[in-house]
Amino acid sequence: KVLNPKENSNALDVCSAPGGKTTHIATLMKNTGKVISRDVFDHKLKLINNTVNRLGLTNVEVQNFDASILDENSVDKFDYVLADVPCSGLGIIRRKPEIKYKSKSEVKDLPVLQRKILENASKYVKVGGNLLYSTCTILDSENIEVINNFLKENDNFELVPIDEVNVDLDNQEKGYLKIYPNIHGMDGFFIAKLKRVR
């Protein structure tokens, strides 16, 4: 909903498995335009394809591609890019309690990978297009700090107000949502909406 893709546009989901967001984007676009759905594991690509086929979507193309590698062929091609990046998952711990057994080292290096994926994803956005960065964690080091560091080095992007939903009234005018289970009664999540302005 926050991405708010229009019909007949080009969208890219760079870390898409198991495919829920890809298929939601494709559905919001009323099965028009093109949604490229990428992931790096074959078994996960099968999951995406199964969901795409079950929903009868014809505007989705599933590709095996590593989001941490720049795809020169995708530069400046997309109206909408979603980077729902690998994260510590601390926002969904009530549904996946095994997350609490992740080691500190597993979590410590995540912002480096997240930043790399965001950097690559930003290159695929057309001027005037939108880039959505999201995680299912509540750690600022994986969320707003990644965004702030990205914006320091990429002045062709800016945060834009999120007015498609009413969830985090403290922050959504600033262009991001910080969702906490104890406050919002849903999984912990972070979403930042960026626009490429030049």
C-alpha atoms as a PDB file:
ATOM      1  CA  LYS A   1       0.000   0.000   0.000  1.00  0.00           C
ATOM      2  CA  VAL A   2       2.802   2.432   0.833  1.00  0.00           C
ATOM      3  CA  LEU A   3       4.493   1.763  -2.511  1.00  0.00           C
ATOM      4  CA  ASN A   4       1.116   2.516  -4.170  1.00  0.00           C
ATOM      5  CA  PRO A   5       2.060   1.296  -7.676  1.00  0.00           C
ATOM      6  CA  LYS A   6       0.037   2.580 -10.619  1.00  0.00           C
ATOM      7  CA  GLU A   7      -1.302   0.408 -13.428  1.00  0.00           C
ATOM      8  CA  ASN A   8       0.910  -0.208 -16.475  1.00  0.00           C
ATOM      9  CA  SER A   9       4.106   0.675 -14.628  1.00  0.00           C
ATOM     10  CA  ASN A  10       7.359  -1.223 -14.117  1.00  0.00           C
ATOM     11  CA  ALA A  11       8.105  -2.522 -10.629  1.00  0.00           C
ATOM     12  CA  LEU A  12      11.018  -4.476  -9.192  1.00  0.00           C
ATOM     13  CA  ASP A  13      11.115  -6.467  -5.945  1.00  0.00           C
ATOM     14  CA  VAL A  14      14.803  -7.179  -5.318  1.00  0.00           C
ATOM     15  CA  CYS A  15      14.441  -9.602  -2.343  1.00  0.00           C
ATOM     16  CA  SER A  16      11.049 -11.082  -2.996  1.00  0.00           C
ATOM     17  CA  ALA A  17      10.726 -14.579  -1.515  1.00  0.00           C
ATOM     18  CA  PRO A  18       8.281 -15.991  -0.583  1.00  0.00           C
ATOM     19  CA  GLY A  19       6.426 -13.569  -2.878  1.00  0.00           C
ATOM     20  CA  GLY A  20       3.647 -11.985  -0.814  1.00  0.00           C
ATOM     21  CA  LYS A  21       4.729  -8.419  -1.542  1.00  0.00           C
ATOM     22  CA  THR A  22       5.454  -9.138  -5.227  1.00  0.00           C
ATOM     23  CA  THR A  23       1.998 -10.583  -5.775  1.00  0.00           C
ATOM     24  CA  HIS A  24       0.370  -7.758  -3.800  1.00  0.00           C
ATOM     25  CA  ILE A  25       2.146  -5.209  -6.030  1.00  0.00           C
ATOM     26  CA  ALA A  26       1.044  -7.133  -9.147  1.00  0.00           C
ATOM     27  CA  THR A  27      -2.542  -7.235  -7.865  1.00  0.00           C
ATOM     28  CA  LEU A  28      -2.573  -3.504  -7.010  1.00  0.00           C
ATOM     29  CA  MET A  29      -1.416  -2.913 -10.607  1.00  0.00           C
ATOM     30  CA  LYS A  30      -4.485  -4.940 -11.701  1.00  0.00           C
ATOM     31  CA  ASN A  31      -2.321  -7.496 -13.529  1.00  0.00           C
ATOM     32  CA  THR A  32      -0.983  -4.788 -15.903  1.00  0.00           C
ATOM     33  CA  GLY A  33       2.544  -3.506 -16.487  1.00  0.00           C
ATOM     34  CA  LYS A  34       5.452  -5.638 -15.326  1.00  0.00           C
ATOM     35  CA  VAL A  35       6.654  -6.799 -11.922  1.00  0.00           C
ATOM     36  CA  ILE A  36      10.124  -8.342 -11.799  1.00  0.00           C
ATOM     37  CA  SER A  37      10.470 -10.568  -8.754  1.00  0.00           C
ATOM     38  CA  ARG A  38      13.994 -11.579  -7.731  1.00  0.00           C
ATOM     39  CA  ASP A  39      15.577 -13.826  -5.185  1.00  0.00           C
ATOM     40  CA  VAL A  40      18.776 -15.805  -4.947  1.00  0.00           C
ATOM     41  CA  PHE A  41      17.558 -19.282  -3.911  1.00  0.00           C
ATOM     42  CA  ASP A  42      15.914 -21.673  -6.376  1.00  0.00           C
ATOM     43  CA  HIS A  43      13.622 -23.225  -3.755  1.00  0.00           C
ATOM     44  CA  LYS A  44      12.365 -19.732  -2.863  1.00  0.00           C
ATOM     45  CA  LEU A  45      11.814 -18.857  -6.530  1.00  0.00           C
ATOM     46  CA  LYS A  46       9.560 -21.924  -6.742  1.00  0.00           C
ATOM     47  CA  LEU A  47       7.466 -20.557  -3.862  1.00  0.00           C
ATOM     48  CA  ILE A  48       7.067 -17.232  -5.678  1.00  0.00           C
ATOM     49  CA  ASN A  49       6.116 -18.956  -8.939  1.00  0.00           C
ATOM     50  CA  ASN A  50       3.552 -21.126  -7.123  1.00  0.00           C
ATOM     51  CA  THR A  51       1.876 -18.068  -5.606  1.00  0.00           C
ATOM     52  CA  VAL A  52       1.969 -16.150  -8.914  1.00  0.00           C
ATOM     53  CA  ASN A  53       0.354 -19.098 -10.717  1.00  0.00           C
ATOM     54  CA  ARG A  54      -2.226 -19.709  -7.989  1.00  0.00           C
ATOM     55  CA  LEU A  55      -3.342 -16.081  -8.219  1.00  0.00           C
ATOM     56  CA  GLY A  56      -3.429 -16.157 -12.032  1.00  0.00           C
ATOM     57  CA  LEU A  57      -1.017 -13.230 -12.362  1.00  0.00           C
ATOM     58  CA  THR A  58       0.455 -12.737 -15.825  1.00  0.00           C
ATOM     59  CA  ASN A  59       2.403  -9.537 -15.154  1.00  0.00           C
ATOM     60  CA  VAL A  60       5.085 -11.121 -12.915  1.00  0.00           C
ATOM     61  CA  GLU A  61       8.443 -12.394 -14.110  1.00  0.00           C
ATOM     62  CA  VAL A  62      10.491 -14.347 -11.551  1.00  0.00           C
ATOM     63  CA  GLN A  63      14.285 -14.136 -11.839  1.00  0.00           C
ATOM     64  CA  ASN A  64      17.228 -15.626  -9.966  1.00  0.00           C
ATOM     65  CA  PHE A  65      19.400 -12.650  -9.061  1.00  0.00           C
ATOM     66  CA  ASP A  66      21.515 -11.600  -6.069  1.00  0.00           C
ATOM     67  CA  ALA A  67      20.415  -8.154  -4.830  1.00  0.00           C
ATOM     68  CA  SER A  68      23.893  -7.444  -3.452  1.00  0.00           C
ATOM     69  CA  ILE A  69      25.271  -7.391  -7.024  1.00  0.00           C
ATOM     70  CA  LEU A  70      24.527  -4.432  -9.298  1.00  0.00           C
ATOM     71  CA  ASP A  71      22.530  -5.331 -12.408  1.00  0.00           C
ATOM     72  CA  GLU A  72      23.681  -2.889 -15.103  1.00  0.00           C
ATOM     73  CA  ASN A  73      20.719  -3.895 -17.317  1.00  0.00           C
ATOM     74  CA  SER A  74      18.202  -2.609 -14.734  1.00  0.00           C
ATOM     75  CA  VAL A  75      19.680   0.865 -14.182  1.00  0.00           C
ATOM     76  CA  ASP A  76      17.043   3.663 -14.523  1.00  0.00           C
ATOM     77  CA  LYS A  77      14.351   1.196 -15.696  1.00  0.00           C
ATOM     78  CA  PHE A  78      11.746   1.058 -12.899  1.00  0.00           C
ATOM     79  CA  ASP A  79       8.961   3.300 -11.605  1.00  0.00           C
ATOM     80  CA  TYR A  80       8.856   1.392  -8.315  1.00  0.00           C
ATOM     81  CA  VAL A  81      11.556  -0.590  -6.529  1.00  0.00           C
ATOM     82  CA  LEU A  82      11.012  -2.529  -3.312  1.00  0.00           C
ATOM     83  CA  ALA A  83      14.001  -3.504  -1.169  1.00  0.00           C
ATOM     84  CA  ASP A  84      12.603  -5.622   1.661  1.00  0.00           C
ATOM     85  CA  VAL A  85      16.071  -6.553   2.844  1.00  0.00           C
ATOM     86  CA  PRO A  86      17.422  -9.458   4.937  1.00  0.00           C
ATOM     87  CA  CYS A  87      17.342  -8.404   8.582  1.00  0.00           C
ATOM     88  CA  SER A  88      17.580  -9.635  12.175  1.00  0.00           C
ATOM     89  CA  GLY A  89      13.815 -10.254  12.196  1.00  0.00           C
ATOM     90  CA  LEU A  90      13.362  -8.953  15.728  1.00  0.00           C
ATOM     91  CA  GLY A  91       9.972  -7.486  14.801  1.00  0.00           C
ATOM     92  CA  ILE A  92       8.465 -10.930  14.183  1.00  0.00           C
ATOM     93  CA  ILE A  93       9.930 -12.722  17.189  1.00  0.00           C
ATOM     94  CA  ARG A  94       6.479 -13.622  18.543  1.00  0.00           C
ATOM     95  CA  ARG A  95       5.778 -15.620  15.360  1.00  0.00           C
ATOM     96  CA  LYS A  96       9.321 -16.967  14.991  1.00  0.00           C
ATOM     97  CA  PRO A  97      10.732 -17.303  18.511  1.00  0.00           C
ATOM     98  CA  GLU A  98      13.862 -19.083  17.210  1.00  0.00           C
ATOM     99  CA  ILE A  99      15.093 -15.624  16.092  1.00  0.00           C
ATOM    100  CA  LYS A 100      16.230 -14.932  19.651  1.00  0.00           C
ATOM    101  CA  TYR A 101      18.967 -17.537  19.178  1.00  0.00           C
ATOM    102  CA  LYS A 102      20.703 -15.598  16.404  1.00  0.00           C
ATOM    103  CA  SER A 103      24.282 -14.777  17.314  1.00  0.00           C
ATOM    104  CA  LYS A 104      25.480 -11.197  17.735  1.00  0.00           C
ATOM    105  CA  SER A 105      27.829 -11.601  14.784  1.00  0.00           C
ATOM    106  CA  GLU A 106      24.922 -12.665  12.510  1.00  0.00           C
ATOM    107  CA  VAL A 107      23.162  -9.393  13.326  1.00  0.00           C
ATOM    108  CA  LYS A 108      26.193  -7.089  13.495  1.00  0.00           C
ATOM    109  CA  ASP A 109      27.091  -7.266   9.796  1.00  0.00           C
ATOM    110  CA  LEU A 110      23.534  -6.915   8.486  1.00  0.00           C
ATOM    111  CA  PRO A 111      23.585  -3.104   8.026  1.00  0.00           C
ATOM    112  CA  VAL A 112      26.519  -3.467   5.593  1.00  0.00           C
ATOM    113  CA  LEU A 113      24.520  -5.895   3.425  1.00  0.00           C
ATOM    114  CA  GLN A 114      21.339  -3.824   3.782  1.00  0.00           C
ATOM    115  CA  ARG A 115      23.157  -0.692   2.667  1.00  0.00           C
ATOM    116  CA  LYS A 116      24.659  -2.517  -0.339  1.00  0.00           C
ATOM    117  CA  ILE A 117      21.239  -3.793  -1.448  1.00  0.00           C
ATOM    118  CA  LEU A 118      19.672  -0.345  -0.949  1.00  0.00           C
ATOM    119  CA  GLU A 119      22.493   1.286  -2.927  1.00  0.00           C
ATOM    120  CA  ASN A 120      22.000  -1.146  -5.827  1.00  0.00           C
ATOM    121  CA  ALA A 121      18.198  -0.905  -5.698  1.00  0.00           C
ATOM    122  CA  SER A 122      18.394   2.895  -5.882  1.00  0.00           C
ATOM    123  CA  LYS A 123      20.201   2.699  -9.219  1.00  0.00           C
ATOM    124  CA  TYR A 124      17.195   0.939 -10.788  1.00  0.00           C
ATOM    125  CA  VAL A 125      14.733   3.760 -10.019  1.00  0.00           C
ATOM    126  CA  LYS A 126      13.776   6.196 -12.786  1.00  0.00           C
ATOM    127  CA  VAL A 127      13.792   9.930 -12.042  1.00  0.00           C
ATOM    128  CA  GLY A 128      10.462  10.597 -10.325  1.00  0.00           C
ATOM    129  CA  GLY A 129      10.148   6.956  -9.258  1.00  0.00           C
ATOM    130  CA  ASN A 130       9.800   5.540  -5.765  1.00  0.00           C
ATOM    131  CA  LEU A 131      12.128   3.335  -3.741  1.00  0.00           C
ATOM    132  CA  LEU A 132      10.759   1.530  -0.710  1.00  0.00           C
ATOM    133  CA  TYR A 133      13.131   0.178   1.944  1.00  0.00           C
ATOM    134  CA  SER A 134      11.683  -2.163   4.558  1.00  0.00           C
ATOM    135  CA  THR A 135      12.674  -4.624   7.270  1.00  0.00           C
ATOM    136  CA  CYS A 136      10.860  -6.755   9.843  1.00  0.00           C
ATOM    137  CA  THR A 137      13.092  -5.544  12.649  1.00  0.00           C
ATOM    138  CA  ILE A 138      12.904  -2.731  15.202  1.00  0.00           C
ATOM    139  CA  LEU A 139      16.637  -1.919  15.399  1.00  0.00           C
ATOM    140  CA  ASP A 140      17.521   1.621  14.298  1.00  0.00           C
ATOM    141  CA  SER A 141      20.927   0.344  13.133  1.00  0.00           C
ATOM    142  CA  GLU A 142      19.129  -1.674  10.434  1.00  0.00           C
ATOM    143  CA  ASN A 143      16.466   0.929   9.738  1.00  0.00           C
ATOM    144  CA  ILE A 144      16.629   4.703  10.012  1.00  0.00           C
ATOM    145  CA  GLU A 145      20.434   4.724  10.330  1.00  0.00           C
ATOM    146  CA  VAL A 146      20.760   2.824   7.026  1.00  0.00           C
ATOM    147  CA  ILE A 147      18.414   5.371   5.416  1.00  0.00           C
ATOM    148  CA  ASN A 148      20.180   8.421   6.882  1.00  0.00           C
ATOM    149  CA  ASN A 149      23.588   7.140   5.751  1.00  0.00           C
ATOM    150  CA  PHE A 150      22.194   6.445   2.281  1.00  0.00           C
ATOM    151  CA  LEU A 151      20.678   9.950   2.008  1.00  0.00           C
ATOM    152  CA  LYS A 152      23.980  11.585   3.047  1.00  0.00           C
ATOM    153  CA  GLU A 153      25.623  10.083  -0.029  1.00  0.00           C
ATOM    154  CA  ASN A 154      22.665  10.176  -2.452  1.00  0.00           C
ATOM    155  CA  ASP A 155      21.210  13.665  -2.685  1.00  0.00           C
ATOM    156  CA  ASN A 156      19.159  12.604  -5.714  1.00  0.00           C
ATOM    157  CA  PHE A 157      16.782  10.842  -3.290  1.00  0.00           C
ATOM    158  CA  GLU A 158      14.586  12.256  -0.540  1.00  0.00           C
ATOM    159  CA  LEU A 159      12.121  10.848   1.960  1.00  0.00           C
ATOM    160  CA  VAL A 160       8.512  11.595   1.005  1.00  0.00           C
ATOM    161  CA  PRO A 161       5.469  11.613   3.319  1.00  0.00           C
ATOM    162  CA  ILE A 162       3.589   8.337   3.656  1.00  0.00           C
ATOM    163  CA  ASP A 163      -0.105   9.133   3.356  1.00  0.00           C
ATOM    164  CA  GLU A 164      -1.408   5.808   2.033  1.00  0.00           C
ATOM    165  CA  VAL A 165      -1.797   4.330   5.547  1.00  0.00           C
ATOM    166  CA  ASN A 166      -2.323   5.634   9.088  1.00  0.00           C
ATOM    167  CA  VAL A 167      -0.067   3.601  11.347  1.00  0.00           C
ATOM    168  CA  ASP A 168       2.781   5.666  12.811  1.00  0.00           C
ATOM    169  CA  LEU A 169       1.468   9.218  13.077  1.00  0.00           C
ATOM    170  CA  ASP A 170       4.704  10.350  14.772  1.00  0.00           C
ATOM    171  CA  ASN A 171       6.899   9.599  11.748  1.00  0.00           C
ATOM    172  CA  GLN A 172       4.969   8.968   8.539  1.00  0.00           C
ATOM    173  CA  GLU A 173       4.934  12.662   7.546  1.00  0.00           C
ATOM    174  CA  LYS A 174       8.746  12.425   7.661  1.00  0.00           C
ATOM    175  CA  GLY A 175       8.671   9.536   5.177  1.00  0.00           C
ATOM    176  CA  TYR A 176       9.028   6.439   7.332  1.00  0.00           C
ATOM    177  CA  LEU A 177       7.103   4.111   9.636  1.00  0.00           C
ATOM    178  CA  LYS A 178       8.422   2.542  12.837  1.00  0.00           C
ATOM    179  CA  ILE A 179       5.943  -0.162  13.786  1.00  0.00           C
ATOM    180  CA  TYR A 180       6.207  -1.826  17.214  1.00  0.00           C
ATOM    181  CA  PRO A 181       4.197  -4.875  18.370  1.00  0.00           C
ATOM    182  CA  ASN A 182       3.592  -3.387  21.824  1.00  0.00           C
ATOM    183  CA  ILE A 183       2.311  -0.076  20.411  1.00  0.00           C
ATOM    184  CA  HIS A 184       0.623  -0.937  17.123  1.00  0.00           C
ATOM    185  CA  GLY A 185      -0.593  -4.483  17.861  1.00  0.00           C
ATOM    186  CA  MET A 186       1.100  -5.976  14.784  1.00  0.00           C
ATOM    187  CA  ASP A 187       4.500  -7.297  13.763  1.00  0.00           C
ATOM    188  CA  GLY A 188       7.445  -4.955  14.247  1.00  0.00           C
ATOM    189  CA  PHE A 189       8.362  -3.383  10.929  1.00  0.00           C
ATOM    190  CA  PHE A 190      10.141  -0.446   9.340  1.00  0.00           C
ATOM    191  CA  ILE A 191       9.268   1.205   6.028  1.00  0.00           C
ATOM    192  CA  ALA A 192      10.957   4.200   4.396  1.00  0.00           C
ATOM    193  CA  LYS A 193       9.573   5.771   1.215  1.00  0.00           C
ATOM    194  CA  LEU A 194      12.117   7.530  -0.979  1.00  0.00           C
ATOM    195  CA  LYS A 195      11.626   9.405  -4.214  1.00  0.00           C
ATOM    196  CA  ARG A 196      14.299   9.902  -6.857  1.00  0.00           C
ATOM    197  CA  VAL A 197      14.170  13.631  -7.510  1.00  0.00           C
ATOM    198  CA  ARG A 198      16.892  13.880 -10.186  1.00  0.00           C
END
